[in-house]
Protein backbone atom coordinates (compact mmCIF):
# COMPACT_ATOMS: atom_id res chain seq x y z
CA MET A 1 -41.22 48.87 14.46
CA SER A 2 -37.86 48.38 12.80
CA ILE A 3 -34.85 47.68 13.77
CA THR A 4 -31.47 48.41 12.48
CA LEU A 5 -28.34 46.98 14.43
CA TYR A 6 -25.02 48.31 13.19
CA GLY A 7 -21.26 46.76 13.55
CA ILE A 8 -19.05 44.40 12.99
CA PRO A 9 -19.85 41.10 13.26
CA ASN A 10 -17.50 39.52 15.22
CA CYS A 11 -17.76 42.18 18.23
CA ASP A 12 -19.22 40.44 21.71
CA SER A 13 -21.38 43.45 22.22
CA VAL A 14 -22.72 43.22 19.10
CA LYS A 15 -23.35 39.52 19.24
CA LYS A 16 -25.06 39.69 22.44
CA ALA A 17 -27.58 42.76 20.91
CA ARG A 18 -28.12 39.94 18.16
CA ALA A 19 -28.71 37.28 20.28
CA LEU A 20 -31.06 39.08 22.45
CA LEU A 21 -32.83 40.37 19.58
CA ASP A 22 -32.99 36.88 17.88
CA SER A 23 -33.87 35.13 21.70
CA ARG A 24 -36.82 37.52 21.94
CA GLY A 25 -38.06 36.60 18.28
CA VAL A 26 -37.68 40.76 17.39
CA ALA A 27 -36.98 40.65 13.37
CA HIS A 28 -34.17 43.27 12.47
CA VAL A 29 -31.35 44.04 10.26
CA PHE A 30 -27.60 43.74 10.35
CA HIS A 31 -25.44 46.21 9.14
CA ASP A 32 -21.79 45.18 8.97
CA TYR A 33 -19.57 48.20 8.58
CA LYS A 34 -16.92 45.50 7.25
CA LYS A 35 -19.14 44.49 4.22
CA GLN A 36 -21.37 47.57 3.95
CA GLY A 37 -19.41 50.41 5.24
CA VAL A 38 -20.17 52.96 7.02
CA PRO A 39 -23.30 55.08 6.26
CA GLU A 40 -21.63 58.77 6.75
CA ALA A 41 -25.64 60.32 6.71
CA LYS A 42 -26.58 57.72 9.62
CA LEU A 43 -23.07 58.70 11.37
CA GLY A 44 -23.56 62.04 11.28
CA GLN A 45 -27.41 62.04 12.38
CA TRP A 46 -26.16 59.57 15.61
CA ILE A 47 -23.18 62.62 16.50
CA ALA A 48 -25.94 65.11 16.40
CA ALA A 49 -28.82 62.95 18.72
CA LYS A 50 -26.17 61.48 21.33
CA GLY A 51 -22.83 63.83 20.84
CA ARG A 52 -19.28 62.91 19.14
CA ASP A 53 -18.32 61.15 22.73
CA ALA A 54 -20.92 59.00 23.12
CA ILE A 55 -20.58 57.79 19.72
CA LEU A 56 -16.46 57.88 19.45
CA ASN A 57 -14.84 54.76 21.20
CA ARG A 58 -11.94 56.50 22.60
CA LYS A 59 -11.37 53.06 25.01
CA GLY A 60 -10.79 50.80 22.08
CA THR A 61 -7.57 49.13 20.36
CA THR A 62 -8.36 50.71 17.24
CA TRP A 63 -8.38 54.23 18.92
CA ARG A 64 -5.16 53.64 21.16
CA SER A 65 -3.22 52.25 17.74
CA LEU A 66 -3.69 55.58 15.72
CA ASP A 67 -1.02 58.34 15.53
CA GLU A 68 -1.45 60.80 17.94
CA ALA A 69 -1.93 63.18 15.45
CA VAL A 70 -4.96 61.44 14.26
CA LYS A 71 -6.29 61.10 17.84
CA ALA A 72 -5.23 65.28 18.52
CA SER A 73 -7.06 66.49 15.34
CA VAL A 74 -10.31 65.50 16.94
CA VAL A 75 -11.70 68.76 17.59
CA ASP A 76 -15.33 68.99 16.87
CA ASP A 77 -18.36 66.58 15.50
CA GLU A 78 -16.89 67.01 11.72
CA SER A 79 -13.15 66.04 12.41
CA ALA A 80 -14.54 63.10 14.87
CA LEU A 81 -17.11 61.93 12.24
CA ARG A 82 -13.90 62.12 9.34
CA VAL A 83 -12.07 59.62 11.64
CA MET A 84 -14.78 57.35 12.57
CA LEU A 85 -15.43 57.28 8.99
CA ALA A 86 -11.70 56.41 8.15
CA ASN A 87 -11.91 53.72 10.97
CA PRO A 88 -14.94 52.43 11.79
CA SER A 89 -14.03 50.38 14.26
CA THR A 90 -13.60 53.55 16.53
CA ILE A 91 -17.59 53.56 16.52
CA LYS A 92 -18.99 52.59 19.66
CA ARG A 93 -20.97 49.05 19.51
CA PRO A 94 -23.63 48.48 18.61
CA VAL A 95 -25.69 51.12 17.45
CA VAL A 96 -29.00 50.12 17.37
CA GLU A 97 -31.73 52.21 15.35
CA VAL A 98 -35.34 51.49 16.55
CA ASN A 99 -37.95 52.88 14.15
CA ARG A 100 -41.33 53.48 15.89
CA PHE A 101 -44.55 55.90 15.24
CA GLN A 102 -42.37 57.78 12.87
CA THR A 103 -39.68 58.16 16.14
CA THR A 104 -36.00 57.04 15.92
CA THR A 105 -34.46 56.32 19.14
CA ILE A 106 -30.94 55.47 19.15
CA LEU A 107 -29.00 53.35 20.88
CA VAL A 108 -25.06 53.59 21.52
CA GLY A 109 -23.45 50.21 23.03
CA PHE A 110 -25.21 47.02 24.39
CA ASP A 111 -27.26 47.10 27.28
CA ALA A 112 -30.16 44.41 27.78
CA GLN A 113 -32.59 46.34 29.81
CA GLU A 114 -32.73 49.36 27.77
CA LEU A 115 -33.03 47.22 24.14
CA ASN A 116 -36.07 45.15 26.42
CA GLY A 117 -37.25 47.86 27.67
CA LEU A 118 -37.91 48.86 23.49
CA MET A 119 -39.10 45.91 22.20
């Protein structure tokens, strides 16, 4: 089993997920959007698997601070992907990929019970 946790280090939800994994002794890789960027192919996979509305954080301060024209331009998966690539903080956090038995499970946001269930 391999786990990759995507997000930014100062996000409270990311901190909670990392702390849970660490407390359980679960090895994982942390992918920092600020330092490593957002992997476009992965973002596309997440949108395809979960839907753009599950991935795009329309409640956060980054989304609220975007120009109204940019917000209005999000009409499909491709336009959502472009906005998220340009503004990584509009991606809900964390995104956790759990690869086990040639199957990938994607979790979006922090849910301790859901994360525990995959370990």
